[in-house]
Amino acid sequence: MQFTSPPEPPFTKEDAVTFATSGKGTMTEKFPEDIGTKEDYIEGYHVTRETNAKEISEEIYQVTFVEHWEKGDETGTYSFSFQVEKGSLMRDGEQGEALPYY
Protein backbone atom coordinates (compact mmCIF):
# COMPACT_ATOMS: atom_id res chain seq x y z
CA MET A 1 0.00 0.00 0.00
CA GLN A 2 1.26 3.47 -0.88
CA PHE A 3 0.25 6.68 0.85
CA THR A 4 0.32 10.02 -0.88
CA SER A 5 -0.18 13.44 0.57
CA PRO A 6 -2.96 15.53 -0.85
CA PRO A 7 -1.69 18.35 -3.05
CA GLU A 8 -1.00 21.61 -1.25
CA PRO A 9 -3.49 24.38 -1.93
CA PRO A 10 -2.27 27.14 -4.23
CA PHE A 11 -0.41 30.09 -2.68
CA THR A 12 -2.68 33.10 -3.29
CA LYS A 13 -2.08 36.85 -3.24
CA GLU A 14 -4.06 36.97 0.01
CA ASP A 15 -1.62 34.39 1.45
CA ALA A 16 1.28 36.56 0.25
CA VAL A 17 -0.15 39.63 2.01
CA THR A 18 -0.70 37.64 5.21
CA PHE A 19 2.91 36.43 5.10
CA ALA A 20 4.28 39.94 4.38
CA THR A 21 2.32 41.53 7.24
CA SER A 22 2.77 38.76 9.83
CA GLY A 23 5.78 40.21 11.67
CA LYS A 24 5.42 42.36 14.76
CA GLY A 25 7.65 45.40 15.19
CA THR A 26 8.26 45.58 11.44
CA MET A 27 7.80 48.36 8.92
CA THR A 28 4.53 46.76 7.72
CA GLU A 29 2.75 46.70 11.09
CA LYS A 30 0.97 50.05 10.57
CA PHE A 31 -0.47 48.94 7.21
CA PRO A 32 -3.69 46.99 6.60
CA GLU A 33 -3.15 43.26 7.13
CA ASP A 34 -5.39 42.59 4.12
CA ILE A 35 -5.54 44.16 0.66
CA GLY A 36 -7.07 47.60 1.17
CA THR A 37 -6.56 51.01 2.75
CA LYS A 38 -6.86 52.63 6.15
CA GLU A 39 -6.70 56.25 7.24
CA ASP A 40 -5.13 57.87 10.27
CA TYR A 41 -4.16 61.30 11.60
CA ILE A 42 -0.60 61.73 12.87
CA GLU A 43 0.68 65.09 14.16
CA GLY A 44 -1.90 66.92 12.04
CA TYR A 45 -1.18 64.92 8.88
CA HIS A 46 -3.97 63.03 7.14
CA VAL A 47 -2.32 59.67 6.40
CA THR A 48 -3.60 56.96 4.07
CA ARG A 49 -1.89 53.56 4.07
CA GLU A 50 -2.56 50.99 1.37
CA THR A 51 -1.63 47.33 1.05
CA ASN A 52 -1.82 45.76 -2.40
CA ALA A 53 -0.57 42.66 -4.21
CA LYS A 54 -0.20 41.44 -7.77
CA GLU A 55 0.95 38.13 -9.20
CA ILE A 56 4.24 38.49 -11.09
CA SER A 57 4.80 34.79 -11.80
CA GLU A 58 3.00 31.58 -10.88
CA GLU A 59 2.38 31.79 -7.11
CA ILE A 60 4.93 34.64 -6.77
CA TYR A 61 3.59 38.05 -5.79
CA GLN A 62 4.73 41.63 -5.40
CA VAL A 63 3.20 42.99 -2.20
CA THR A 64 3.31 46.79 -2.11
CA PHE A 65 2.77 49.16 0.81
CA VAL A 66 2.01 52.83 0.01
CA GLU A 67 1.81 55.65 2.55
CA HIS A 68 0.44 59.02 1.42
CA TRP A 69 0.20 62.07 3.66
CA GLU A 70 -1.11 65.59 3.44
CA LYS A 71 -1.26 68.59 5.74
CA GLY A 72 -2.36 71.83 4.13
CA ASP A 73 -0.31 72.24 0.94
CA GLU A 74 2.28 69.68 2.07
CA THR A 75 1.85 66.24 0.52
CA GLY A 76 4.03 63.23 -0.05
CA THR A 77 4.13 59.54 -0.81
CA TYR A 78 6.44 56.72 0.22
CA SER A 79 6.18 53.11 -0.92
CA PHE A 80 8.06 49.86 -0.56
CA SER A 81 7.46 46.35 -1.79
CA PHE A 82 8.41 42.74 -1.27
CA GLN A 83 8.53 39.77 -3.61
CA VAL A 84 6.71 36.97 -1.80
CA GLU A 85 6.39 33.28 -2.50
CA LYS A 86 5.42 30.49 -0.14
CA GLY A 87 7.82 30.64 2.82
CA SER A 88 10.01 33.41 1.34
CA LEU A 89 9.98 37.21 1.43
CA MET A 90 12.54 39.43 -0.31
CA ARG A 91 12.70 43.26 -0.33
CA ASP A 92 11.84 44.43 -3.83
CA GLY A 93 12.39 48.18 -3.67
CA GLU A 94 11.28 51.49 -2.24
CA GLN A 95 10.63 54.99 -3.50
CA GLY A 96 9.34 58.32 -2.34
CA GLU A 97 9.96 60.88 0.33
CA ALA A 98 10.92 60.61 3.99
CA LEU A 99 7.93 60.55 6.30
CA PRO A 100 7.71 63.91 8.15
CA TYR A 101 6.00 62.52 11.27
CA TYR A 102 8.44 59.79 12.38
PDB file of N, CA and C in Angstrom:
ATOM      1  N   MET A   1       0.839  -1.167   0.000  1.00  0.00           N
ATOM      2  CA  MET A   1       0.000   0.000   0.000  1.00  0.00           C
ATOM      3  C   MET A   1       0.895   1.245   0.000  1.00  0.00           C
ATOM      4  N   GLN A   2       0.493   2.234  -0.767  1.00  0.00           N
ATOM      5  CA  GLN A   2       1.265   3.474  -0.876  1.00  0.00           C
ATOM      6  C   GLN A   2       0.394   4.642  -0.439  1.00  0.00           C
ATOM      7  N   PHE A   3       0.975   5.502   0.387  1.00  0.00           N
ATOM      8  CA  PHE A   3       0.251   6.680   0.853  1.00  0.00           C
ATOM      9  C   PHE A   3       0.795   7.907   0.139  1.00  0.00           C
ATOM     10  N   THR A   4      -0.098   8.767  -0.269  1.00  0.00           N
ATOM     11  CA  THR A   4       0.323  10.023  -0.880  1.00  0.00           C
ATOM     12  C   THR A   4      -0.333  11.170  -0.132  1.00  0.00           C
ATOM     13  N   SER A   5       0.363  12.240  -0.058  1.00  0.00           N
ATOM     14  CA  SER A   5      -0.183  13.437   0.571  1.00  0.00           C
ATOM     15  C   SER A   5      -1.079  14.144  -0.423  1.00  0.00           C
ATOM     16  N   PRO A   6      -2.141  14.742   0.073  1.00  0.00           N
ATOM     17  CA  PRO A   6      -2.963  15.529  -0.850  1.00  0.00           C
ATOM     18  C   PRO A   6      -2.150  16.718  -1.345  1.00  0.00           C
ATOM     19  N   PRO A   7      -2.440  17.200  -2.534  1.00  0.00           N
ATOM     20  CA  PRO A   7      -1.688  18.354  -3.046  1.00  0.00           C
ATOM     21  C   PRO A   7      -1.911  19.571  -2.150  1.00  0.00           C
ATOM     22  N   GLU A   8      -0.872  20.388  -2.034  1.00  0.00           N
ATOM     23  CA  GLU A   8      -1.002  21.608  -1.248  1.00  0.00           C
ATOM     24  C   GLU A   8      -1.889  22.596  -1.992  1.00  0.00           C
ATOM     25  N   PRO A   9      -2.677  23.373  -1.251  1.00  0.00           N
ATOM     26  CA  PRO A   9      -3.495  24.379  -1.928  1.00  0.00           C
ATOM     27  C   PRO A   9      -2.591  25.426  -2.564  1.00  0.00           C
ATOM     28  N   PRO A  10      -3.087  26.106  -3.587  1.00  0.00           N
ATOM     29  CA  PRO A  10      -2.269  27.142  -4.232  1.00  0.00           C
ATOM     30  C   PRO A  10      -1.958  28.278  -3.254  1.00  0.00           C
ATOM     31  N   PHE A  11      -0.823  28.917  -3.461  1.00  0.00           N
ATOM     32  CA  PHE A  11      -0.412  30.088  -2.683  1.00  0.00           C
ATOM     33  C   PHE A  11      -1.017  31.305  -3.368  1.00  0.00           C
ATOM     34  N   THR A  12      -1.925  31.997  -2.696  1.00  0.00           N
ATOM     35  CA  THR A  12      -2.678  33.101  -3.294  1.00  0.00           C
ATOM     36  C   THR A  12      -2.079  34.461  -2.927  1.00  0.00           C
ATOM     37  N   LYS A  13      -2.570  35.509  -3.588  1.00  0.00           N
ATOM     38  CA  LYS A  13      -2.079  36.845  -3.245  1.00  0.00           C
ATOM     39  C   LYS A  13      -2.500  37.225  -1.828  1.00  0.00           C
ATOM     40  N   GLU A  14      -3.644  36.721  -1.372  1.00  0.00           N
ATOM     41  CA  GLU A  14      -4.055  36.967   0.007  1.00  0.00           C
ATOM     42  C   GLU A  14      -3.081  36.295   0.981  1.00  0.00           C
ATOM     43  N   ASP A  15      -2.626  35.074   0.636  1.00  0.00           N
ATOM     44  CA  ASP A  15      -1.617  34.386   1.452  1.00  0.00           C
ATOM     45  C   ASP A  15      -0.319  35.203   1.484  1.00  0.00           C
ATOM     46  N   ALA A  16       0.056  35.764   0.340  1.00  0.00           N
ATOM     47  CA  ALA A  16       1.284  36.562   0.253  1.00  0.00           C
ATOM     48  C   ALA A  16       1.191  37.791   1.156  1.00  0.00           C
ATOM     49  N   VAL A  17       0.042  38.456   1.154  1.00  0.00           N
ATOM     50  CA  VAL A  17      -0.148  39.632   2.010  1.00  0.00           C
ATOM     51  C   VAL A  17      -0.091  39.224   3.482  1.00  0.00           C
ATOM     52  N   THR A  18      -0.742  38.127   3.827  1.00  0.00           N
ATOM     53  CA  THR A  18      -0.700  37.637   5.209  1.00  0.00           C
ATOM     54  C   THR A  18       0.733  37.368   5.642  1.00  0.00           C
ATOM     55  N   PHE A  19       1.515  36.732   4.781  1.00  0.00           N
ATOM     56  CA  PHE A  19       2.909  36.428   5.098  1.00  0.00           C
ATOM     57  C   PHE A  19       3.726  37.714   5.253  1.00  0.00           C
ATOM     58  N   ALA A  20       3.507  38.683   4.356  1.00  0.00           N
ATOM     59  CA  ALA A  20       4.279  39.936   4.377  1.00  0.00           C
ATOM     60  C   ALA A  20       3.944  40.811   5.578  1.00  0.00           C
ATOM     61  N   THR A  21       2.740  40.676   6.121  1.00  0.00           N
ATOM     62  CA  THR A  21       2.321  41.526   7.242  1.00  0.00           C
ATOM     63  C   THR A  21       2.334  40.791   8.576  1.00  0.00           C
ATOM     64  N   SER A  22       2.872  39.589   8.621  1.00  0.00           N
ATOM     65  CA  SER A  22       2.768  38.762   9.829  1.00  0.00           C
ATOM     66  C   SER A  22       3.734  39.150  10.942  1.00  0.00           C
ATOM     67  N   GLY A  23       4.793  39.867  10.641  1.00  0.00           N
ATOM     68  CA  GLY A  23       5.775  40.210  11.671  1.00  0.00           C
ATOM     69  C   GLY A  23       5.315  41.337  12.570  1.00  0.00           C
ATOM     70  N   LYS A  24       5.700  41.271  13.819  1.00  0.00           N
ATOM     71  CA  LYS A  24       5.421  42.358  14.765  1.00  0.00           C
ATOM     72  C   LYS A  24       6.688  43.199  14.905  1.00  0.00           C
ATOM     73  N   GLY A  25       6.507  44.509  15.068  1.00  0.00           N
ATOM     74  CA  GLY A  25       7.654  45.396  15.187  1.00  0.00           C
ATOM     75  C   GLY A  25       8.366  45.622  13.869  1.00  0.00           C
ATOM     76  N   THR A  26       7.666  45.402  12.762  1.00  0.00           N
ATOM     77  CA  THR A  26       8.258  45.576  11.439  1.00  0.00           C
ATOM     78  C   THR A  26       7.687  46.811  10.769  1.00  0.00           C
ATOM     79  N   MET A  27       8.254  47.169   9.639  1.00  0.00           N
ATOM     80  CA  MET A  27       7.797  48.355   8.916  1.00  0.00           C
ATOM     81  C   MET A  27       6.395  48.193   8.328  1.00  0.00           C
ATOM     82  N   THR A  28       5.859  46.975   8.283  1.00  0.00           N
ATOM     83  CA  THR A  28       4.526  46.763   7.718  1.00  0.00           C
ATOM     84  C   THR A  28       3.424  46.800   8.769  1.00  0.00           C
ATOM     85  N   GLU A  29       3.770  46.870  10.054  1.00  0.00           N
ATOM     86  CA  GLU A  29       2.753  46.701  11.092  1.00  0.00           C
ATOM     87  C   GLU A  29       1.692  47.801  11.120  1.00  0.00           C
ATOM     88  N   LYS A  30       1.958  48.973  10.577  1.00  0.00           N
ATOM     89  CA  LYS A  30       0.972  50.050  10.572  1.00  0.00           C
ATOM     90  C   LYS A  30       0.058  50.003   9.341  1.00  0.00           C
ATOM     91  N   PHE A  31       0.306  49.073   8.440  1.00  0.00           N
ATOM     92  CA  PHE A  31      -0.474  48.944   7.209  1.00  0.00           C
ATOM     93  C   PHE A  31      -1.591  47.918   7.383  1.00  0.00           C
ATOM     94  N   PRO A  32      -2.637  48.001   6.529  1.00  0.00           N
ATOM     95  CA  PRO A  32      -3.685  46.985   6.599  1.00  0.00           C
ATOM     96  C   PRO A  32      -3.098  45.585   6.431  1.00  0.00           C
ATOM     97  N   GLU A  33      -3.619  44.637   7.209  1.00  0.00           N
ATOM     98  CA  GLU A  33      -3.149  43.257   7.131  1.00  0.00           C
ATOM     99  C   GLU A  33      -3.795  42.496   5.980  1.00  0.00           C
ATOM    100  N   ASP A  34      -4.737  43.136   5.304  1.00  0.00           N
ATOM    101  CA  ASP A  34      -5.393  42.591   4.115  1.00  0.00           C
ATOM    102  C   ASP A  34      -5.253  43.617   3.002  1.00  0.00           C
ATOM    103  N   ILE A  35      -5.553  43.222   1.782  1.00  0.00           N
ATOM    104  CA  ILE A  35      -5.536  44.159   0.661  1.00  0.00           C
ATOM    105  C   ILE A  35      -6.576  45.243   0.942  1.00  0.00           C
ATOM    106  N   GLY A  36      -6.146  46.500   0.898  1.00  0.00           N
ATOM    107  CA  GLY A  36      -7.066  47.596   1.166  1.00  0.00           C
ATOM    108  C   GLY A  36      -6.342  48.802   1.735  1.00  0.00           C
ATOM    109  N   THR A  37      -7.128  49.772   2.216  1.00  0.00           N
ATOM    110  CA  THR A  37      -6.563  51.010   2.751  1.00  0.00           C
ATOM    111  C   THR A  37      -7.102  51.282   4.148  1.00  0.00           C
ATOM    112  N   LYS A  38      -6.361  52.102   4.880  1.00  0.00           N
ATOM    113  CA  LYS A  38      -6.862  52.629   6.147  1.00  0.00           C
ATOM    114  C   LYS A  38      -6.314  54.036   6.317  1.00  0.00           C
ATOM    115  N   GLU A  39      -7.067  54.851   7.040  1.00  0.00           N
ATOM    116  CA  GLU A  39      -6.701  56.249   7.240  1.00  0.00           C
ATOM    117  C   GLU A  39      -6.376  56.507   8.702  1.00  0.00           C
ATOM    118  N   ASP A  40      -5.554  57.516   8.919  1.00  0.00           N
ATOM    119  CA  ASP A  40      -5.132  57.874  10.266  1.00  0.00           C
ATOM    120  C   ASP A  40      -4.777  59.361  10.270  1.00  0.00           C
ATOM    121  N   TYR A  41      -4.659  59.937  11.444  1.00  0.00           N
ATOM    122  CA  TYR A  41      -4.161  61.304  11.604  1.00  0.00           C
ATOM    123  C   TYR A  41      -2.972  61.247  12.550  1.00  0.00           C
ATOM    124  N   ILE A  42      -1.833  61.758  12.089  1.00  0.00           N
ATOM    125  CA  ILE A  42      -0.603  61.735  12.874  1.00  0.00           C
ATOM    126  C   ILE A  42      -0.015  63.139  12.865  1.00  0.00           C
ATOM    127  N   GLU A  43       0.101  63.744  14.030  1.00  0.00           N
ATOM    128  CA  GLU A  43       0.681  65.087  14.160  1.00  0.00           C
ATOM    129  C   GLU A  43       0.094  66.077  13.152  1.00  0.00           C
ATOM    130  N   GLY A  44      -1.220  66.016  12.954  1.00  0.00           N
ATOM    131  CA  GLY A  44      -1.900  66.925  12.042  1.00  0.00           C
ATOM    132  C   GLY A  44      -1.895  66.505  10.586  1.00  0.00           C
ATOM    133  N   TYR A  45      -1.210  65.432  10.250  1.00  0.00           N
ATOM    134  CA  TYR A  45      -1.179  64.919   8.877  1.00  0.00           C
ATOM    135  C   TYR A  45      -2.310  63.918   8.675  1.00  0.00           C
ATOM    136  N   HIS A  46      -3.002  64.051   7.549  1.00  0.00           N
ATOM    137  CA  HIS A  46      -3.967  63.032   7.143  1.00  0.00           C
ATOM    138  C   HIS A  46      -3.173  61.960   6.396  1.00  0.00           C
ATOM    139  N   VAL A  47      -3.155  60.748   6.926  1.00  0.00           N
ATOM    140  CA  VAL A  47      -2.318  59.673   6.399  1.00  0.00           C
ATOM    141  C   VAL A  47      -3.200  58.543   5.879  1.00  0.00           C
ATOM    142  N   THR A  48      -2.922  58.114   4.655  1.00  0.00           N
ATOM    143  CA  THR A  48      -3.598  56.959   4.071  1.00  0.00           C
ATOM    144  C   THR A  48      -2.552  55.894   3.798  1.00  0.00           C
ATOM    145  N   ARG A  49      -2.806  54.689   4.301  1.00  0.00           N
ATOM    146  CA  ARG A  49      -1.890  53.560   4.073  1.00  0.00           C
ATOM    147  C   ARG A  49      -2.625  52.497   3.275  1.00  0.00           C
ATOM    148  N   GLU A  50      -1.943  51.979   2.260  1.00  0.00           N
ATOM    149  CA  GLU A  50      -2.555  50.995   1.367  1.00  0.00           C
ATOM    150  C   GLU A  50      -1.661  49.765   1.260  1.00  0.00           C
ATOM    151  N   THR A  51      -2.298  48.600   1.290  1.00  0.00           N
ATOM    152  CA  THR A  51      -1.627  47.326   1.049  1.00  0.00           C
ATOM    153  C   THR A  51      -2.218  46.741  -0.217  1.00  0.00           C
ATOM    154  N   ASN A  52      -1.357  46.320  -1.143  1.00  0.00           N
ATOM    155  CA  ASN A  52      -1.824  45.759  -2.404  1.00  0.00           C
ATOM    156  C   ASN A  52      -0.907  44.618  -2.815  1.00  0.00           C
ATOM    157  N   ALA A  53      -1.380  43.783  -3.720  1.00  0.00           N
ATOM    158  CA  ALA A  53      -0.570  42.663  -4.209  1.00  0.00           C
ATOM    159  C   ALA A  53      -0.948  42.346  -5.640  1.00  0.00           C
ATOM    160  N   LYS A  54       0.064  41.903  -6.409  1.00  0.00           N
ATOM    161  CA  LYS A  54      -0.197  41.435  -7.769  1.00  0.00           C
ATOM    162  C   LYS A  54       0.705  40.240  -8.044  1.00  0.00           C
ATOM    163  N   GLU A  55       0.177  39.324  -8.843  1.00  0.00           N
ATOM    164  CA  GLU A  55       0.951  38.134  -9.202  1.00  0.00           C
ATOM    165  C   GLU A  55       1.946  38.508 -10.291  1.00  0.00           C
ATOM    166  N   ILE A  56       3.221  38.177 -10.090  1.00  0.00           N
ATOM    167  CA  ILE A  56       4.244  38.491 -11.091  1.00  0.00           C
ATOM    168  C   ILE A  56       4.761  37.237 -11.785  1.00  0.00           C
ATOM    169  N   SER A  57       4.457  36.086 -11.218  1.00  0.00           N
ATOM    170  CA  SER A  57       4.795  34.790 -11.798  1.00  0.00           C
ATOM    171  C   SER A  57       3.907  33.784 -11.072  1.00  0.00           C
ATOM    172  N   GLU A  58       3.889  32.556 -11.509  1.00  0.00           N
ATOM    173  CA  GLU A  58       3.000  31.585 -10.881  1.00  0.00           C
ATOM    174  C   GLU A  58       3.305  31.452  -9.388  1.00  0.00           C
ATOM    175  N   GLU A  59       2.313  31.834  -8.573  1.00  0.00           N
ATOM    176  CA  GLU A  59       2.383  31.790  -7.114  1.00  0.00           C
ATOM    177  C   GLU A  59       3.531  32.621  -6.533  1.00  0.00           C
ATOM    178  N   ILE A  60       3.950  33.660  -7.257  1.00  0.00           N
ATOM    179  CA  ILE A  60       4.930  34.636  -6.771  1.00  0.00           C
ATOM    180  C   ILE A  60       4.285  36.019  -6.909  1.00  0.00           C
ATOM    181  N   TYR A  61       4.323  36.793  -5.836  1.00  0.00           N
ATOM    182  CA  TYR A  61       3.588  38.055  -5.792  1.00  0.00           C
ATOM    183  C   TYR A  61       4.488  39.216  -5.388  1.00  0.00           C
ATOM    184  N   GLN A  62       4.118  40.391  -5.876  1.00  0.00           N
ATOM    185  CA  GLN A  62       4.729  41.626  -5.405  1.00  0.00           C
ATOM    186  C   GLN A  62       3.704  42.257  -4.463  1.00  0.00           C
ATOM    187  N   VAL A  63       4.070  42.374  -3.197  1.00  0.00           N
ATOM    188  CA  VAL A  63       3.201  42.991  -2.196  1.00  0.00           C
ATOM    189  C   VAL A  63       3.749  44.393  -1.945  1.00  0.00           C
ATOM    190  N   THR A  64       2.900  45.395  -2.176  1.00  0.00           N
ATOM    191  CA  THR A  64       3.315  46.794  -2.108  1.00  0.00           C
ATOM    192  C   THR A  64       2.573  47.511  -0.989  1.00  0.00           C
ATOM    193  N   PHE A  65       3.310  48.350  -0.276  1.00  0.00           N
ATOM    194  CA  PHE A  65       2.770  49.164   0.806  1.00  0.00           C
ATOM    195  C   PHE A  65       3.006  50.627   0.438  1.00  0.00           C
ATOM    196  N   VAL A  66       1.921  51.422   0.402  1.00  0.00           N
ATOM    197  CA  VAL A  66       2.008  52.830   0.010  1.00  0.00           C
ATOM    198  C   VAL A  66       1.471  53.684   1.153  1.00  0.00           C
ATOM    199  N   GLU A  67       2.231  54.709   1.513  1.00  0.00           N
ATOM    200  CA  GLU A  67       1.811  55.652   2.547  1.00  0.00           C
ATOM    201  C   GLU A  67       1.780  57.044   1.923  1.00  0.00           C
ATOM    202  N   HIS A  68       0.621  57.674   1.975  1.00  0.00           N
ATOM    203  CA  HIS A  68       0.436  59.018   1.419  1.00  0.00           C
ATOM    204  C   HIS A  68      -0.003  59.930   2.563  1.00  0.00           C
ATOM    205  N   TRP A  69       0.559  61.136   2.602  1.00  0.00           N
ATOM    206  CA  TRP A  69       0.198  62.071   3.656  1.00  0.00           C
ATOM    207  C   TRP A  69      -0.053  63.443   3.076  1.00  0.00           C
ATOM    208  N   GLU A  70      -0.873  64.191   3.810  1.00  0.00           N
ATOM    209  CA  GLU A  70      -1.108  65.590   3.443  1.00  0.00           C
ATOM    210  C   GLU A  70      -1.450  66.392   4.695  1.00  0.00           C
ATOM    211  N   LYS A  71      -0.993  67.627   4.665  1.00  0.00           N
ATOM    212  CA  LYS A  71      -1.258  68.594   5.740  1.00  0.00           C
ATOM    213  C   LYS A  71      -1.180  69.955   5.076  1.00  0.00           C
ATOM    214  N   GLY A  72      -2.335  70.576   4.874  1.00  0.00           N
ATOM    215  CA  GLY A  72      -2.356  71.831   4.128  1.00  0.00           C
ATOM    216  C   GLY A  72      -1.862  71.596   2.710  1.00  0.00           C
ATOM    217  N   ASP A  73      -0.873  72.390   2.283  1.00  0.00           N
ATOM    218  CA  ASP A  73      -0.312  72.235   0.935  1.00  0.00           C
ATOM    219  C   ASP A  73       0.802  71.192   0.879  1.00  0.00           C
ATOM    220  N   GLU A  74       1.192  70.664   2.017  1.00  0.00           N
ATOM    221  CA  GLU A  74       2.281  69.683   2.066  1.00  0.00           C
ATOM    222  C   GLU A  74       1.730  68.272   1.826  1.00  0.00           C
ATOM    223  N   THR A  75       2.260  67.608   0.814  1.00  0.00           N
ATOM    224  CA  THR A  75       1.848  66.236   0.524  1.00  0.00           C
ATOM    225  C   THR A  75       3.078  65.404   0.192  1.00  0.00           C
ATOM    226  N   GLY A  76       2.927  64.116   0.304  1.00  0.00           N
ATOM    227  CA  GLY A  76       4.026  63.231  -0.053  1.00  0.00           C
ATOM    228  C   GLY A  76       3.581  61.783  -0.086  1.00  0.00           C
ATOM    229  N   THR A  77       4.412  60.966  -0.685  1.00  0.00           N
ATOM    230  CA  THR A  77       4.132  59.539  -0.808  1.00  0.00           C
ATOM    231  C   THR A  77       5.426  58.760  -0.632  1.00  0.00           C
ATOM    232  N   TYR A  78       5.319  57.646   0.056  1.00  0.00           N
ATOM    233  CA  TYR A  78       6.435  56.722   0.221  1.00  0.00           C
ATOM    234  C   TYR A  78       5.889  55.314   0.011  1.00  0.00           C
ATOM    235  N   SER A  79       6.624  54.491  -0.716  1.00  0.00           N
ATOM    236  CA  SER A  79       6.179  53.112  -0.916  1.00  0.00           C
ATOM    237  C   SER A  79       7.363  52.160  -0.873  1.00  0.00           C
ATOM    238  N   PHE A  80       7.065  50.929  -0.534  1.00  0.00           N
ATOM    239  CA  PHE A  80       8.062  49.860  -0.562  1.00  0.00           C
ATOM    240  C   PHE A  80       7.342  48.562  -0.887  1.00  0.00           C
ATOM    241  N   SER A  81       8.091  47.601  -1.393  1.00  0.00           N
ATOM    242  CA  SER A  81       7.458  46.348  -1.789  1.00  0.00           C
ATOM    243  C   SER A  81       8.363  45.160  -1.500  1.00  0.00           C
ATOM    244  N   PHE A  82       7.729  44.003  -1.475  1.00  0.00           N
ATOM    245  CA  PHE A  82       8.411  42.736  -1.275  1.00  0.00           C
ATOM    246  C   PHE A  82       7.986  41.771  -2.365  1.00  0.00           C
ATOM    247  N   GLN A  83       8.884  40.907  -2.755  1.00  0.00           N
ATOM    248  CA  GLN A  83       8.533  39.771  -3.605  1.00  0.00           C
ATOM    249  C   GLN A  83       8.292  38.606  -2.649  1.00  0.00           C
ATOM    250  N   VAL A  84       7.113  37.994  -2.756  1.00  0.00           N
ATOM    251  CA  VAL A  84       6.713  36.968  -1.802  1.00  0.00           C
ATOM    252  C   VAL A  84       6.312  35.698  -2.538  1.00  0.00           C
ATOM    253  N   GLU A  85       6.863  34.586  -2.083  1.00  0.00           N
ATOM    254  CA  GLU A  85       6.389  33.275  -2.500  1.00  0.00           C
ATOM    255  C   GLU A  85       6.264  32.450  -1.236  1.00  0.00           C
ATOM    256  N   LYS A  86       5.681  31.291  -1.334  1.00  0.00           N
ATOM    257  CA  LYS A  86       5.419  30.492  -0.139  1.00  0.00           C
ATOM    258  C   LYS A  86       6.703  30.301   0.670  1.00  0.00           C
ATOM    259  N   GLY A  87       6.689  30.807   1.913  1.00  0.00           N
ATOM    260  CA  GLY A  87       7.818  30.641   2.819  1.00  0.00           C
ATOM    261  C   GLY A  87       8.991  31.573   2.590  1.00  0.00           C
ATOM    262  N   SER A  88       8.871  32.545   1.673  1.00  0.00           N
ATOM    263  CA  SER A  88      10.006  33.412   1.344  1.00  0.00           C
ATOM    264  C   SER A  88       9.538  34.838   1.078  1.00  0.00           C
ATOM    265  N   LEU A  89      10.286  35.796   1.621  1.00  0.00           N
ATOM    266  CA  LEU A  89       9.981  37.209   1.432  1.00  0.00           C
ATOM    267  C   LEU A  89      11.295  37.928   1.147  1.00  0.00           C
ATOM    268  N   MET A  90      11.328  38.713   0.072  1.00  0.00           N
ATOM    269  CA  MET A  90      12.542  39.433  -0.307  1.00  0.00           C
ATOM    270  C   MET A  90      12.192  40.889  -0.617  1.00  0.00           C
ATOM    271  N   ARG A  91      12.933  41.833  -0.064  1.00  0.00           N
ATOM    272  CA  ARG A  91      12.702  43.258  -0.327  1.00  0.00           C
ATOM    273  C   ARG A  91      12.846  43.510  -1.821  1.00  0.00           C
ATOM    274  N   ASP A  92      11.891  44.244  -2.382  1.00  0.00           N
ATOM    275  CA  ASP A  92      11.839  44.428  -3.829  1.00  0.00           C
ATOM    276  C   ASP A  92      12.012  45.881  -4.248  1.00  0.00           C
ATOM    277  N   GLY A  93      12.164  46.790  -3.297  1.00  0.00           N
ATOM    278  CA  GLY A  93      12.386  48.182  -3.667  1.00  0.00           C
ATOM    279  C   GLY A  93      11.609  49.145  -2.805  1.00  0.00           C
ATOM    280  N   GLU A  94      11.979  50.412  -2.939  1.00  0.00           N
ATOM    281  CA  GLU A  94      11.279  51.487  -2.242  1.00  0.00           C
ATOM    282  C   GLU A  94      11.458  52.770  -3.034  1.00  0.00           C
ATOM    283  N   GLN A  95      10.526  53.688  -2.843  1.00  0.00           N
ATOM    284  CA  GLN A  95      10.631  54.986  -3.499  1.00  0.00           C
ATOM    285  C   GLN A  95       9.802  55.999  -2.734  1.00  0.00           C
ATOM    286  N   GLY A  96      10.120  57.253  -2.949  1.00  0.00           N
ATOM    287  CA  GLY A  96       9.339  58.315  -2.344  1.00  0.00           C
ATOM    288  C   GLY A  96      10.130  59.134  -1.357  1.00  0.00           C
ATOM    289  N   GLU A  97       9.388  59.888  -0.571  1.00  0.00           N
ATOM    290  CA  GLU A  97       9.958  60.876   0.329  1.00  0.00           C
ATOM    291  C   GLU A  97       9.986  60.372   1.768  1.00  0.00           C
ATOM    292  N   ALA A  98      10.863  60.942   2.568  1.00  0.00           N
ATOM    293  CA  ALA A  98      10.922  60.607   3.991  1.00  0.00           C
ATOM    294  C   ALA A  98       9.628  61.044   4.671  1.00  0.00           C
ATOM    295  N   LEU A  99       9.157  60.240   5.585  1.00  0.00           N
ATOM    296  CA  LEU A  99       7.928  60.551   6.302  1.00  0.00           C
ATOM    297  C   LEU A  99       8.197  61.671   7.307  1.00  0.00           C
ATOM    298  N   PRO A 100       7.422  62.764   7.285  1.00  0.00           N
ATOM    299  CA  PRO A 100       7.712  63.911   8.148  1.00  0.00           C
ATOM    300  C   PRO A 100       7.280  63.724   9.605  1.00  0.00           C
ATOM    301  N   TYR A 101       6.565  62.670   9.926  1.00  0.00           N
ATOM    302  CA  TYR A 101       6.000  62.518  11.269  1.00  0.00           C
ATOM    303  C   TYR A 101       6.605  61.364  12.049  1.00  0.00           C
ATOM    304  N   TYR A 102       7.751  60.842  11.609  1.00  0.00           N
ATOM    305  CA  TYR A 102       8.440  59.791  12.384  1.00  0.00           C
ATOM    306  C   TYR A 102       9.823  60.254  12.732  1.00  0.00           C
TER     307      TYR A 102
END
